[in-house]
Amino acid sequence: MSAMMSSMCSTPIDKRTYQQFLLNVLGRHDNIASLESTFVMEEIKHEYSVSV
């Protein structure tokens, strides 16, 4: 499954396809009780340094 997720992360998909993946693939596993999904619309700030 990690190969599937890594390929999804590098490939743009539409919301409908993503929803279908969550419901029909992940949602059908007996060991998954619930799902929550968060995604980034755009990057606002890209700075990791601390000013001294």
PDB file of N, CA and C in Angstrom:
ATOM      1  N   MET A   1       0.817  -1.190   0.000  1.00  0.00           N
ATOM      2  CA  MET A   1       0.000   0.000   0.000  1.00  0.00           C
ATOM      3  C   MET A   1       0.861   1.254   0.000  1.00  0.00           C
ATOM      4  N   SER A   2       2.042   1.240   0.606  1.00  0.00           N
ATOM      5  CA  SER A   2       2.875   2.432   0.640  1.00  0.00           C
ATOM      6  C   SER A   2       3.302   2.854  -0.760  1.00  0.00           C
ATOM      7  N   ALA A   3       3.529   1.917  -1.654  1.00  0.00           N
ATOM      8  CA  ALA A   3       3.872   2.261  -3.041  1.00  0.00           C
ATOM      9  C   ALA A   3       2.717   2.981  -3.708  1.00  0.00           C
ATOM     10  N   MET A   4       1.486   2.549  -3.407  1.00  0.00           N
ATOM     11  CA  MET A   4       0.305   3.194  -3.972  1.00  0.00           C
ATOM     12  C   MET A   4       0.185   4.629  -3.463  1.00  0.00           C
ATOM     13  N   MET A   5       0.405   4.827  -2.171  1.00  0.00           N
ATOM     14  CA  MET A   5       0.292   6.164  -1.602  1.00  0.00           C
ATOM     15  C   MET A   5       1.397   7.078  -2.108  1.00  0.00           C
ATOM     16  N   SER A   6       2.617   6.569  -2.228  1.00  0.00           N
ATOM     17  CA  SER A   6       3.700   7.417  -2.711  1.00  0.00           C
ATOM     18  C   SER A   6       3.474   7.820  -4.163  1.00  0.00           C
ATOM     19  N   SER A   7       2.905   6.940  -4.961  1.00  0.00           N
ATOM     20  CA  SER A   7       2.623   7.308  -6.339  1.00  0.00           C
ATOM     21  C   SER A   7       1.473   8.308  -6.391  1.00  0.00           C
ATOM     22  N   MET A   8       0.525   8.205  -5.472  1.00  0.00           N
ATOM     23  CA  MET A   8      -0.580   9.168  -5.425  1.00  0.00           C
ATOM     24  C   MET A   8      -0.077  10.540  -5.014  1.00  0.00           C
ATOM     25  N   CYS A   9       0.905  10.582  -4.106  1.00  0.00           N
ATOM     26  CA  CYS A   9       1.418  11.855  -3.619  1.00  0.00           C
ATOM     27  C   CYS A   9       2.165  12.616  -4.706  1.00  0.00           C
ATOM     28  N   SER A  10       2.740  11.919  -5.650  1.00  0.00           N
ATOM     29  CA  SER A  10       3.493  12.588  -6.699  1.00  0.00           C
ATOM     30  C   SER A  10       2.663  12.837  -7.955  1.00  0.00           C
ATOM     31  N   THR A  11       1.442  12.317  -7.986  1.00  0.00           N
ATOM     32  CA  THR A  11       0.593  12.457  -9.156  1.00  0.00           C
ATOM     33  C   THR A  11      -0.656  13.250  -8.794  1.00  0.00           C
ATOM     34  N   PRO A  12      -0.923  14.348  -9.494  1.00  0.00           N
ATOM     35  CA  PRO A  12      -2.138  15.095  -9.194  1.00  0.00           C
ATOM     36  C   PRO A  12      -3.390  14.277  -9.535  1.00  0.00           C
ATOM     37  N   ILE A  13      -4.336  14.244  -8.621  1.00  0.00           N
ATOM     38  CA  ILE A  13      -5.609  13.565  -8.863  1.00  0.00           C
ATOM     39  C   ILE A  13      -6.742  14.504  -8.482  1.00  0.00           C
ATOM     40  N   ASP A  14      -7.901  14.239  -9.007  1.00  0.00           N
ATOM     41  CA  ASP A  14      -9.032  15.087  -8.684  1.00  0.00           C
ATOM     42  C   ASP A  14      -9.679  14.613  -7.382  1.00  0.00           C
ATOM     43  N   LYS A  15     -10.506  15.459  -6.795  1.00  0.00           N
ATOM     44  CA  LYS A  15     -11.133  15.154  -5.510  1.00  0.00           C
ATOM     45  C   LYS A  15     -12.043  13.936  -5.586  1.00  0.00           C
ATOM     46  N   ARG A  16     -12.726  13.754  -6.678  1.00  0.00           N
ATOM     47  CA  ARG A  16     -13.637  12.613  -6.831  1.00  0.00           C
ATOM     48  C   ARG A  16     -12.855  11.294  -6.802  1.00  0.00           C
ATOM     49  N   THR A  17     -11.726  11.242  -7.510  1.00  0.00           N
ATOM     50  CA  THR A  17     -10.898  10.042  -7.514  1.00  0.00           C
ATOM     51  C   THR A  17     -10.361   9.758  -6.124  1.00  0.00           C
ATOM     52  N   TYR A  18      -9.919  10.789  -5.430  1.00  0.00           N
ATOM     53  CA  TYR A  18      -9.411  10.635  -4.068  1.00  0.00           C
ATOM     54  C   TYR A  18     -10.514  10.130  -3.134  1.00  0.00           C
ATOM     55  N   GLN A  19     -11.713  10.675  -3.253  1.00  0.00           N
ATOM     56  CA  GLN A  19     -12.842  10.237  -2.435  1.00  0.00           C
ATOM     57  C   GLN A  19     -13.160   8.760  -2.697  1.00  0.00           C
ATOM     58  N   GLN A  20     -13.159   8.373  -3.953  1.00  0.00           N
ATOM     59  CA  GLN A  20     -13.417   6.981  -4.301  1.00  0.00           C
ATOM     60  C   GLN A  20     -12.344   6.056  -3.720  1.00  0.00           C
ATOM     61  N   PHE A  21     -11.090   6.489  -3.749  1.00  0.00           N
ATOM     62  CA  PHE A  21     -10.006   5.707  -3.157  1.00  0.00           C
ATOM     63  C   PHE A  21     -10.235   5.532  -1.658  1.00  0.00           C
ATOM     64  N   LEU A  22     -10.570   6.619  -0.966  1.00  0.00           N
ATOM     65  CA  LEU A  22     -10.810   6.528   0.475  1.00  0.00           C
ATOM     66  C   LEU A  22     -11.961   5.584   0.787  1.00  0.00           C
ATOM     67  N   LEU A  23     -13.062   5.733   0.085  1.00  0.00           N
ATOM     68  CA  LEU A  23     -14.244   4.930   0.378  1.00  0.00           C
ATOM     69  C   LEU A  23     -14.107   3.483  -0.083  1.00  0.00           C
ATOM     70  N   ASN A  24     -13.642   3.283  -1.301  1.00  0.00           N
ATOM     71  CA  ASN A  24     -13.656   1.943  -1.898  1.00  0.00           C
ATOM     72  C   ASN A  24     -12.417   1.100  -1.619  1.00  0.00           C
ATOM     73  N   VAL A  25     -11.292   1.733  -1.308  1.00  0.00           N
ATOM     74  CA  VAL A  25     -10.078   0.963  -1.034  1.00  0.00           C
ATOM     75  C   VAL A  25      -9.805   0.940   0.477  1.00  0.00           C
ATOM     76  N   LEU A  26      -9.535   2.095   1.049  1.00  0.00           N
ATOM     77  CA  LEU A  26      -9.225   2.132   2.474  1.00  0.00           C
ATOM     78  C   LEU A  26     -10.449   1.834   3.331  1.00  0.00           C
ATOM     79  N   GLY A  27     -11.596   2.350   2.940  1.00  0.00           N
ATOM     80  CA  GLY A  27     -12.810   2.183   3.732  1.00  0.00           C
ATOM     81  C   GLY A  27     -13.324   0.759   3.822  1.00  0.00           C
ATOM     82  N   ARG A  28     -12.878  -0.117   2.961  1.00  0.00           N
ATOM     83  CA  ARG A  28     -13.345  -1.510   2.966  1.00  0.00           C
ATOM     84  C   ARG A  28     -12.473  -2.437   3.810  1.00  0.00           C
ATOM     85  N   HIS A  29     -11.378  -1.934   4.342  1.00  0.00           N
ATOM     86  CA  HIS A  29     -10.509  -2.762   5.188  1.00  0.00           C
ATOM     87  C   HIS A  29     -11.148  -2.936   6.560  1.00  0.00           C
ATOM     88  N   ASP A  30     -11.189  -4.180   7.024  1.00  0.00           N
ATOM     89  CA  ASP A  30     -11.778  -4.486   8.324  1.00  0.00           C
ATOM     90  C   ASP A  30     -11.016  -3.850   9.483  1.00  0.00           C
ATOM     91  N   ASN A  31      -9.724  -3.636   9.319  1.00  0.00           N
ATOM     92  CA  ASN A  31      -8.896  -3.096  10.401  1.00  0.00           C
ATOM     93  C   ASN A  31      -8.925  -1.580  10.502  1.00  0.00           C
ATOM     94  N   ILE A  32      -9.615  -0.906   9.605  1.00  0.00           N
ATOM     95  CA  ILE A  32      -9.716   0.552   9.647  1.00  0.00           C
ATOM     96  C   ILE A  32     -11.095   0.917  10.155  1.00  0.00           C
ATOM     97  N   ALA A  33     -11.143   1.536  11.354  1.00  0.00           N
ATOM     98  CA  ALA A  33     -12.422   1.890  11.979  1.00  0.00           C
ATOM     99  C   ALA A  33     -12.966   3.209  11.444  1.00  0.00           C
ATOM    100  N   SER A  34     -12.075   4.169  11.175  1.00  0.00           N
ATOM    101  CA  SER A  34     -12.526   5.459  10.651  1.00  0.00           C
ATOM    102  C   SER A  34     -11.408   6.088   9.829  1.00  0.00           C
ATOM    103  N   LEU A  35     -11.768   7.040   8.998  1.00  0.00           N
ATOM    104  CA  LEU A  35     -10.819   7.730   8.132  1.00  0.00           C
ATOM    105  C   LEU A  35     -10.954   9.232   8.311  1.00  0.00           C
ATOM    106  N   GLU A  36      -9.829   9.912   8.237  1.00  0.00           N
ATOM    107  CA  GLU A  36      -9.823  11.378   8.231  1.00  0.00           C
ATOM    108  C   GLU A  36      -8.770  11.803   7.230  1.00  0.00           C
ATOM    109  N   SER A  37      -9.074  12.809   6.451  1.00  0.00           N
ATOM    110  CA  SER A  37      -8.163  13.238   5.406  1.00  0.00           C
ATOM    111  C   SER A  37      -7.974  14.750   5.455  1.00  0.00           C
ATOM    112  N   THR A  38      -6.729  15.172   5.313  1.00  0.00           N
ATOM    113  CA  THR A  38      -6.392  16.590   5.264  1.00  0.00           C
ATOM    114  C   THR A  38      -5.426  16.786   4.101  1.00  0.00           C
ATOM    115  N   PHE A  39      -5.607  17.845   3.354  1.00  0.00           N
ATOM    116  CA  PHE A  39      -4.669  18.117   2.271  1.00  0.00           C
ATOM    117  C   PHE A  39      -4.385  19.605   2.197  1.00  0.00           C
ATOM    118  N   VAL A  40      -3.238  19.940   1.645  1.00  0.00           N
ATOM    119  CA  VAL A  40      -2.759  21.318   1.547  1.00  0.00           C
ATOM    120  C   VAL A  40      -3.194  21.896   0.211  1.00  0.00           C
ATOM    121  N   MET A  41      -3.814  23.059   0.268  1.00  0.00           N
ATOM    122  CA  MET A  41      -4.235  23.727  -0.964  1.00  0.00           C
ATOM    123  C   MET A  41      -3.067  24.471  -1.616  1.00  0.00           C
ATOM    124  N   GLU A  42      -2.255  25.117  -0.786  1.00  0.00           N
ATOM    125  CA  GLU A  42      -1.074  25.798  -1.292  1.00  0.00           C
ATOM    126  C   GLU A  42      -0.111  26.042  -0.133  1.00  0.00           C
ATOM    127  N   GLU A  43       1.134  26.271  -0.447  1.00  0.00           N
ATOM    128  CA  GLU A  43       2.131  26.561   0.571  1.00  0.00           C
ATOM    129  C   GLU A  43       2.202  28.056   0.769  1.00  0.00           C
ATOM    130  N   ILE A  44       2.036  28.496   2.011  1.00  0.00           N
ATOM    131  CA  ILE A  44       2.045  29.924   2.301  1.00  0.00           C
ATOM    132  C   ILE A  44       3.436  30.399   2.698  1.00  0.00           C
ATOM    133  N   LYS A  45       4.096  29.650   3.557  1.00  0.00           N
ATOM    134  CA  LYS A  45       5.411  30.041   4.050  1.00  0.00           C
ATOM    135  C   LYS A  45       6.341  28.839   4.003  1.00  0.00           C
ATOM    136  N   HIS A  46       7.527  29.042   3.493  1.00  0.00           N
ATOM    137  CA  HIS A  46       8.503  27.972   3.400  1.00  0.00           C
ATOM    138  C   HIS A  46       9.812  28.467   4.008  1.00  0.00           C
ATOM    139  N   GLU A  47       9.865  28.535   5.330  1.00  0.00           N
ATOM    140  CA  GLU A  47      11.053  29.007   6.027  1.00  0.00           C
ATOM    141  C   GLU A  47      11.194  28.237   7.324  1.00  0.00           C
ATOM    142  N   TYR A  48      12.360  27.675   7.538  1.00  0.00           N
ATOM    143  CA  TYR A  48      12.565  26.857   8.723  1.00  0.00           C
ATOM    144  C   TYR A  48      13.573  27.479   9.683  1.00  0.00           C
ATOM    145  N   SER A  49      14.254  28.537   9.298  1.00  0.00           N
ATOM    146  CA  SER A  49      15.289  29.115  10.144  1.00  0.00           C
ATOM    147  C   SER A  49      14.667  29.995  11.234  1.00  0.00           C
ATOM    148  N   VAL A  50      15.441  30.163  12.297  1.00  0.00           N
ATOM    149  CA  VAL A  50      15.022  31.023  13.413  1.00  0.00           C
ATOM    150  C   VAL A  50      15.912  32.254  13.399  1.00  0.00           C
ATOM    151  N   SER A  51      15.311  33.426  13.398  1.00  0.00           N
ATOM    152  CA  SER A  51      16.091  34.669  13.412  1.00  0.00           C
ATOM    153  C   SER A  51      16.740  34.858  14.772  1.00  0.00           C
ATOM    154  N   VAL A  52      18.017  35.266  14.747  1.00  0.00           N
ATOM    155  CA  VAL A  52      18.750  35.472  15.997  1.00  0.00           C
ATOM    156  C   VAL A  52      19.113  36.929  16.119  1.00  0.00           C
TER     157      VAL A  52
END
